[in-house]
C-alpha atoms as a PDB file:
ATOM      1  CA  UNK A   1    -133.881-283.490  25.160  1.00  0.00           C
ATOM      2  CA  UNK A   2    -134.477-283.230  28.401  1.00  0.00           C
ATOM      3  CA  UNK A   3    -132.587-280.478  30.497  1.00  0.00           C
ATOM      4  CA  UNK A   4    -130.989-279.087  27.325  1.00  0.00           C
ATOM      5  CA  UNK A   5    -131.087-276.293  24.789  1.00  0.00           C
ATOM      6  CA  UNK A   6    -131.997-277.241  20.815  1.00  0.00           C
ATOM      7  CA  UNK A   7    -131.109-273.975  18.577  1.00  0.00           C
ATOM      8  CA  UNK A   8    -131.972-274.115  14.900  1.00  0.00           C
ATOM      9  CA  UNK A   9    -129.814-271.742  12.365  1.00  0.00           C
ATOM     10  CA  UNK A  10    -131.025-270.079   9.477  1.00  0.00           C
ATOM     11  CA  UNK A  11    -129.188-268.404   6.983  1.00  0.00           C
ATOM     12  CA  UNK A  12    -127.172-268.604   3.228  1.00  0.00           C
ATOM     13  CA  UNK A  13    -123.848-269.975   2.419  1.00  0.00           C
ATOM     14  CA  UNK A  14    -121.202-267.537   3.191  1.00  0.00           C
ATOM     15  CA  UNK A  15    -123.227-265.441   6.018  1.00  0.00           C
ATOM     16  CA  UNK A  16    -121.541-268.058   8.811  1.00  0.00           C
ATOM     17  CA  UNK A  17    -124.539-269.773  10.484  1.00  0.00           C
ATOM     18  CA  UNK A  18    -122.697-272.768  10.160  1.00  0.00           C
ATOM     19  CA  UNK A  19    -119.595-270.883  11.908  1.00  0.00           C
ATOM     20  CA  UNK A  20    -121.792-269.487  14.361  1.00  0.00           C
ATOM     21  CA  UNK A  21    -123.368-272.759  15.594  1.00  0.00           C
ATOM     22  CA  UNK A  22    -119.775-274.338  15.622  1.00  0.00           C
ATOM     23  CA  UNK A  23    -118.358-271.459  17.804  1.00  0.00           C
ATOM     24  CA  UNK A  24    -121.193-271.812  20.188  1.00  0.00           C
ATOM     25  CA  UNK A  25    -120.770-275.359  20.425  1.00  0.00           C
ATOM     26  CA  UNK A  26    -116.985-274.885  21.323  1.00  0.00           C
ATOM     27  CA  UNK A  27    -117.465-272.059  23.907  1.00  0.00           C
ATOM     28  CA  UNK A  28    -120.702-273.967  25.319  1.00  0.00           C
ATOM     29  CA  UNK A  29    -118.055-276.864  25.642  1.00  0.00           C
ATOM     30  CA  UNK A  30    -115.359-274.769  27.106  1.00  0.00           C
ATOM     31  CA  UNK A  31    -117.732-273.660  30.296  1.00  0.00           C
ATOM     32  CA  UNK A  32    -118.398-277.489  31.062  1.00  0.00           C
ATOM     33  CA  UNK A  33    -121.704-278.187  28.903  1.00  0.00           C
ATOM     34  CA  UNK A  34    -122.295-281.058  26.582  1.00  0.00           C
ATOM     35  CA  UNK A  35    -122.551-279.696  23.216  1.00  0.00           C
ATOM     36  CA  UNK A  36    -123.372-280.649  19.275  1.00  0.00           C
ATOM     37  CA  UNK A  37    -123.236-278.391  16.311  1.00  0.00           C
ATOM     38  CA  UNK A  38    -123.825-279.549  12.879  1.00  0.00           C
ATOM     39  CA  UNK A  39    -124.859-278.056   9.869  1.00  0.00           C
ATOM     40  CA  UNK A  40    -127.510-279.475   7.596  1.00  0.00           C
ATOM     41  CA  UNK A  41    -126.010-279.852   4.068  1.00  0.00           C
ATOM     42  CA  UNK A  42    -128.147-278.876   1.009  1.00  0.00           C
ATOM     43  CA  UNK A  43    -126.768-277.656  -2.258  1.00  0.00           C
ATOM     44  CA  UNK A  44    -123.548-275.767  -0.809  1.00  0.00           C
ATOM     45  CA  UNK A  45    -123.195-272.608  -2.794  1.00  0.00           C
ATOM     46  CA  UNK A  46    -122.931-269.015  -1.514  1.00  0.00           C
ATOM     47  CA  UNK A  47    -126.255-267.359  -0.920  1.00  0.00           C
ATOM     48  CA  UNK A  48    -128.305-271.004  -1.241  1.00  0.00           C
ATOM     49  CA  UNK A  49    -130.028-271.115   2.425  1.00  0.00           C
ATOM     50  CA  UNK A  50    -128.525-273.425   5.080  1.00  0.00           C
ATOM     51  CA  UNK A  51    -129.561-274.633   8.319  1.00  0.00           C
ATOM     52  CA  UNK A  52    -127.448-275.428  11.311  1.00  0.00           C
ATOM     53  CA  UNK A  53    -128.119-276.884  14.696  1.00  0.00           C
ATOM     54  CA  UNK A  54    -126.775-276.710  18.192  1.00  0.00           C
ATOM     55  CA  UNK A  55    -127.635-279.037  21.398  1.00  0.00           C
ATOM     56  CA  UNK A  56    -126.312-277.647  24.869  1.00  0.00           C
ATOM     57  CA  UNK A  57    -126.897-279.805  27.897  1.00  0.00           C
ATOM     58  CA  UNK A  58    -125.608-279.763  31.504  1.00  0.00           C
ATOM     59  CA  UNK A  59    -126.086-283.717  31.083  1.00  0.00           C
ATOM     60  CA  UNK A  60    -124.708-286.097  28.212  1.00  0.00           C
ATOM     61  CA  UNK A  61    -126.565-285.900  25.083  1.00  0.00           C
ATOM     62  CA  UNK A  62    -127.807-289.050  23.377  1.00  0.00           C
ATOM     63  CA  UNK A  63    -129.721-287.612  20.673  1.00  0.00           C
ATOM     64  CA  UNK A  64    -128.183-287.586  17.317  1.00  0.00           C
ATOM     65  CA  UNK A  65    -130.791-286.616  14.978  1.00  0.00           C
ATOM     66  CA  UNK A  66    -131.853-283.232  13.617  1.00  0.00           C
ATOM     67  CA  UNK A  67    -133.434-280.835  15.740  1.00  0.00           C
ATOM     68  CA  UNK A  68    -137.524-280.818  14.727  1.00  0.00           C
ATOM     69  CA  UNK A  69    -138.844-278.773  18.149  1.00  0.00           C
ATOM     70  CA  UNK A  70    -136.097-276.391  18.792  1.00  0.00           C
ATOM     71  CA  UNK A  71    -136.214-273.936  21.823  1.00  0.00           C
ATOM     72  CA  UNK A  72    -134.735-271.043  19.773  1.00  0.00           C
ATOM     73  CA  UNK A  73    -134.526-270.024  16.276  1.00  0.00           C
ATOM     74  CA  UNK A  74    -131.678-267.697  14.758  1.00  0.00           C
ATOM     75  CA  UNK A  75    -132.274-266.252  11.383  1.00  0.00           C
ATOM     76  CA  UNK A  76    -129.287-264.561  10.047  1.00  0.00           C
ATOM     77  CA  UNK A  77    -131.048-263.463   6.951  1.00  0.00           C
ATOM     78  CA  UNK A  78    -134.395-261.781   6.814  1.00  0.00           C
ATOM     79  CA  UNK A  79    -135.070-262.552   3.241  1.00  0.00           C
ATOM     80  CA  UNK A  80    -135.595-266.049   4.567  1.00  0.00           C
ATOM     81  CA  UNK A  81    -138.742-265.177   6.040  1.00  0.00           C
ATOM     82  CA  UNK A  82    -140.227-265.169   2.575  1.00  0.00           C
ATOM     83  CA  UNK A  83    -139.120-268.514   1.512  1.00  0.00           C
ATOM     84  CA  UNK A  84    -138.424-270.511   4.732  1.00  0.00           C
ATOM     85  CA  UNK A  85    -140.859-271.705   7.427  1.00  0.00           C
ATOM     86  CA  UNK A  86    -138.505-270.395   9.998  1.00  0.00           C
ATOM     87  CA  UNK A  87    -140.672-271.467  13.029  1.00  0.00           C
ATOM     88  CA  UNK A  88    -141.502-274.885  12.000  1.00  0.00           C
ATOM     89  CA  UNK A  89    -141.608-276.955  15.202  1.00  0.00           C
ATOM     90  CA  UNK A  90    -140.667-273.899  17.153  1.00  0.00           C
ATOM     91  CA  UNK A  91    -141.871-274.266  20.775  1.00  0.00           C
ATOM     92  CA  UNK A  92    -144.634-271.451  21.787  1.00  0.00           C
ATOM     93  CA  UNK A  93    -142.143-271.114  24.991  1.00  0.00           C
ATOM     94  CA  UNK A  94    -139.358-270.801  22.832  1.00  0.00           C
ATOM     95  CA  UNK A  95    -137.966-267.897  21.174  1.00  0.00           C
ATOM     96  CA  UNK A  96    -136.838-266.499  17.458  1.00  0.00           C
ATOM     97  CA  UNK A  97    -134.071-263.950  16.737  1.00  0.00           C
ATOM     98  CA  UNK A  98    -133.950-262.218  13.678  1.00  0.00           C
ATOM     99  CA  UNK A  99    -131.124-259.977  11.818  1.00  0.00           C
ATOM    100  CA  UNK A 100    -133.219-257.026  10.816  1.00  0.00           C
ATOM    101  CA  UNK A 101    -133.671-253.115  11.028  1.00  0.00           C
ATOM    102  CA  UNK A 102    -137.510-253.898  11.305  1.00  0.00           C
ATOM    103  CA  UNK A 103    -138.946-253.775  14.786  1.00  0.00           C
ATOM    104  CA  UNK A 104    -140.690-256.963  16.382  1.00  0.00           C
ATOM    105  CA  UNK A 105    -143.841-255.696  15.048  1.00  0.00           C
ATOM    106  CA  UNK A 106    -143.016-255.291  11.658  1.00  0.00           C
ATOM    107  CA  UNK A 107    -141.883-258.864  11.410  1.00  0.00           C
ATOM    108  CA  UNK A 108    -144.754-260.929  13.403  1.00  0.00           C
ATOM    109  CA  UNK A 109    -146.903-260.957  10.397  1.00  0.00           C
ATOM    110  CA  UNK A 110    -143.937-262.791   8.618  1.00  0.00           C
ATOM    111  CA  UNK A 111    -143.994-265.258  11.115  1.00  0.00           C
ATOM    112  CA  UNK A 112    -146.858-267.557  10.527  1.00  0.00           C
ATOM    113  CA  UNK A 113    -148.748-266.634  13.644  1.00  0.00           C
ATOM    114  CA  UNK A 114    -146.142-267.496  15.865  1.00  0.00           C
ATOM    115  CA  UNK A 115    -146.829-266.829  19.664  1.00  0.00           C
ATOM    116  CA  UNK A 116    -143.495-266.909  21.228  1.00  0.00           C
ATOM    117  CA  UNK A 117    -140.736-264.350  22.066  1.00  0.00           C
ATOM    118  CA  UNK A 118    -139.806-262.455  19.248  1.00  0.00           C
ATOM    119  CA  UNK A 119    -136.367-260.609  19.126  1.00  0.00           C
ATOM    120  CA  UNK A 120    -134.600-258.199  16.453  1.00  0.00           C
ATOM    121  CA  UNK A 121    -131.216-257.511  16.167  1.00  0.00           C
ATOM    122  CA  UNK A 122    -129.456-255.354  13.124  1.00  0.00           C
ATOM    123  CA  UNK A 123    -126.552-257.227  13.000  1.00  0.00           C
ATOM    124  CA  UNK A 124    -125.777-255.939   9.626  1.00  0.00           C
ATOM    125  CA  UNK A 125    -125.689-252.385  10.902  1.00  0.00           C
ATOM    126  CA  UNK A 126    -123.349-253.227  13.751  1.00  0.00           C
ATOM    127  CA  UNK A 127    -120.925-255.600  11.967  1.00  0.00           C
ATOM    128  CA  UNK A 128    -120.691-252.438   9.592  1.00  0.00           C
ATOM    129  CA  UNK A 129    -119.744-250.350  12.272  1.00  0.00           C
ATOM    130  CA  UNK A 130    -117.556-252.577  14.308  1.00  0.00           C
ATOM    131  CA  UNK A 131    -115.968-254.534  11.063  1.00  0.00           C
ATOM    132  CA  UNK A 132    -116.600-252.136   8.301  1.00  0.00           C
ATOM    133  CA  UNK A 133    -118.136-255.429   6.616  1.00  0.00           C
ATOM    134  CA  UNK A 134    -121.354-257.228   6.660  1.00  0.00           C
ATOM    135  CA  UNK A 135    -120.287-260.477   8.852  1.00  0.00           C
ATOM    136  CA  UNK A 136    -123.683-260.966  10.751  1.00  0.00           C
ATOM    137  CA  UNK A 137    -122.985-264.033  12.427  1.00  0.00           C
ATOM    138  CA  UNK A 138    -120.922-262.957  15.380  1.00  0.00           C
ATOM    139  CA  UNK A 139    -123.991-260.436  16.393  1.00  0.00           C
ATOM    140  CA  UNK A 140    -126.176-263.230  15.832  1.00  0.00           C
ATOM    141  CA  UNK A 141    -124.314-265.634  18.150  1.00  0.00           C
ATOM    142  CA  UNK A 142    -123.878-262.858  20.977  1.00  0.00           C
ATOM    143  CA  UNK A 143    -127.938-262.764  20.455  1.00  0.00           C
ATOM    144  CA  UNK A 144    -128.534-266.174  20.940  1.00  0.00           C
ATOM    145  CA  UNK A 145    -126.325-266.725  23.968  1.00  0.00           C
ATOM    146  CA  UNK A 146    -128.266-263.667  25.362  1.00  0.00           C
ATOM    147  CA  UNK A 147    -131.862-264.887  24.805  1.00  0.00           C
ATOM    148  CA  UNK A 148    -131.170-268.161  25.837  1.00  0.00           C
ATOM    149  CA  UNK A 149    -129.000-267.308  28.941  1.00  0.00           C
ATOM    150  CA  UNK A 150    -126.768-270.829  28.204  1.00  0.00           C
ATOM    151  CA  UNK A 151    -123.748-269.218  29.893  1.00  0.00           C
ATOM    152  CA  UNK A 152    -123.133-265.771  31.915  1.00  0.00           C
ATOM    153  CA  UNK A 153    -122.119-262.658  29.566  1.00  0.00           C
ATOM    154  CA  UNK A 154    -119.091-262.628  30.939  1.00  0.00           C
ATOM    155  CA  UNK A 155    -117.924-266.127  30.519  1.00  0.00           C
ATOM    156  CA  UNK A 156    -119.209-265.961  27.213  1.00  0.00           C
ATOM    157  CA  UNK A 157    -117.100-262.851  26.020  1.00  0.00           C
ATOM    158  CA  UNK A 158    -113.775-264.400  27.957  1.00  0.00           C
ATOM    159  CA  UNK A 159    -113.908-267.772  25.950  1.00  0.00           C
ATOM    160  CA  UNK A 160    -114.826-265.908  22.584  1.00  0.00           C
ATOM    161  CA  UNK A 161    -111.978-263.622  23.233  1.00  0.00           C
ATOM    162  CA  UNK A 162    -109.912-266.591  23.578  1.00  0.00           C
ATOM    163  CA  UNK A 163    -111.106-268.063  20.655  1.00  0.00           C
ATOM    164  CA  UNK A 164    -110.897-264.984  18.165  1.00  0.00           C
ATOM    165  CA  UNK A 165    -106.980-265.078  19.368  1.00  0.00           C
ATOM    166  CA  UNK A 166    -106.568-268.317  18.208  1.00  0.00           C
ATOM    167  CA  UNK A 167    -108.660-267.784  15.167  1.00  0.00           C
ATOM    168  CA  UNK A 168    -107.142-264.515  14.186  1.00  0.00           C
ATOM    169  CA  UNK A 169    -103.910-265.144  15.394  1.00  0.00           C
ATOM    170  CA  UNK A 170    -102.350-263.484  11.882  1.00  0.00           C
ATOM    171  CA  UNK A 171    -105.126-260.620  11.988  1.00  0.00           C
ATOM    172  CA  UNK A 172    -105.079-259.232  15.701  1.00  0.00           C
ATOM    173  CA  UNK A 173    -106.627-255.954  14.129  1.00  0.00           C
ATOM    174  CA  UNK A 174    -110.082-257.891  13.655  1.00  0.00           C
ATOM    175  CA  UNK A 175    -110.518-259.159  17.165  1.00  0.00           C
ATOM    176  CA  UNK A 176    -111.293-255.897  18.929  1.00  0.00           C
ATOM    177  CA  UNK A 177    -113.937-255.292  16.065  1.00  0.00           C
ATOM    178  CA  UNK A 178    -115.515-258.476  16.817  1.00  0.00           C
ATOM    179  CA  UNK A 179    -115.773-258.406  20.213  1.00  0.00           C
ATOM    180  CA  UNK A 180    -117.003-254.888  20.011  1.00  0.00           C
ATOM    181  CA  UNK A 181    -120.015-256.632  17.803  1.00  0.00           C
ATOM    182  CA  UNK A 182    -120.809-259.282  20.242  1.00  0.00           C
ATOM    183  CA  UNK A 183    -121.187-256.822  22.987  1.00  0.00           C
ATOM    184  CA  UNK A 184    -123.489-254.316  21.076  1.00  0.00           C
ATOM    185  CA  UNK A 185    -125.475-257.053  20.162  1.00  0.00           C
ATOM    186  CA  UNK A 186    -125.472-258.895  23.789  1.00  0.00           C
ATOM    187  CA  UNK A 187    -126.598-255.501  24.969  1.00  0.00           C
ATOM    188  CA  UNK A 188    -129.736-255.110  22.306  1.00  0.00           C
ATOM    189  CA  UNK A 189    -131.033-258.171  23.579  1.00  0.00           C
ATOM    190  CA  UNK A 190    -130.625-257.193  27.362  1.00  0.00           C
ATOM    191  CA  UNK A 191    -132.410-253.873  27.009  1.00  0.00           C
ATOM    192  CA  UNK A 192    -135.153-256.016  25.264  1.00  0.00           C
ATOM    193  CA  UNK A 193    -135.590-258.597  28.096  1.00  0.00           C
ATOM    194  CA  UNK A 194    -135.204-255.720  30.679  1.00  0.00           C
ATOM    195  CA  UNK A 195    -138.056-254.009  29.018  1.00  0.00           C
ATOM    196  CA  UNK A 196    -140.236-257.019  28.832  1.00  0.00           C
ATOM    197  CA  UNK A 197    -139.664-257.411  32.649  1.00  0.00           C
ATOM    198  CA  UNK A 198    -140.687-254.106  33.205  1.00  0.00           C
ATOM    199  CA  UNK A 199    -143.627-254.696  30.940  1.00  0.00           C
ATOM    200  CA  UNK A 200    -144.881-257.841  32.992  1.00  0.00           C
ATOM    201  CA  UNK A 201    -144.042-256.150  36.457  1.00  0.00           C
END
C-alpha cells in the first residue's frame, strides 16, 4: 500500500489487541485519515493467539486483504515470541514493538534475525501501576502511535480522552489511569527514539 501504514498486532484472547487495533482506527479516522481495523479470527478463546490489523492512510484505501508485509508489528504478549513468527513479512525499514520487561538486546535473539528497529515497552508494569490490573493494550496502543508517528502526540491524547469518556461514561475513575498509561508508554518510546537520534548523530 502506497502512502500509508500497515500494522499487524499479535496478542492473546482477552488482552485487548483487537480492541487496540479498533481504537487506533477510530482515533486515526477522527484526525482525518482513511482507516481499516480488523481482527483475524481463529479459535476464539481466552488465551489463544489472535492477530489484528490496521491500515491508515491519507489516501482512500482500496486494499481489503490481510496484511502480509506490515510496516509495524506490535506484540502484546511476549510469550508469543516462542511460538509465533512475529517478524514474518515485516519490512526491514519497519519496526517491531514488544511488551516485555526485557531489553532490546535480550529479545533480539528471539526475532529470527530481524534487522529493523526493535522497541520494548513494559506494558504490564505500566498498567499495574496506573490501573492496578494487567491491561497491556493501552500502553501498547500509545507505543504504536509513538513509533509510527501516525498522528501528533497531543492529537492522539485528545482523541483518546474523548474516546475513554464515551467508553467509560459509567466508570470515570478509570479514565485517569488509562490516560496515565498512554502517556507513560509514549514517553518510553520517545526516550528510545531520542537515544537513537543521539547515537546516529
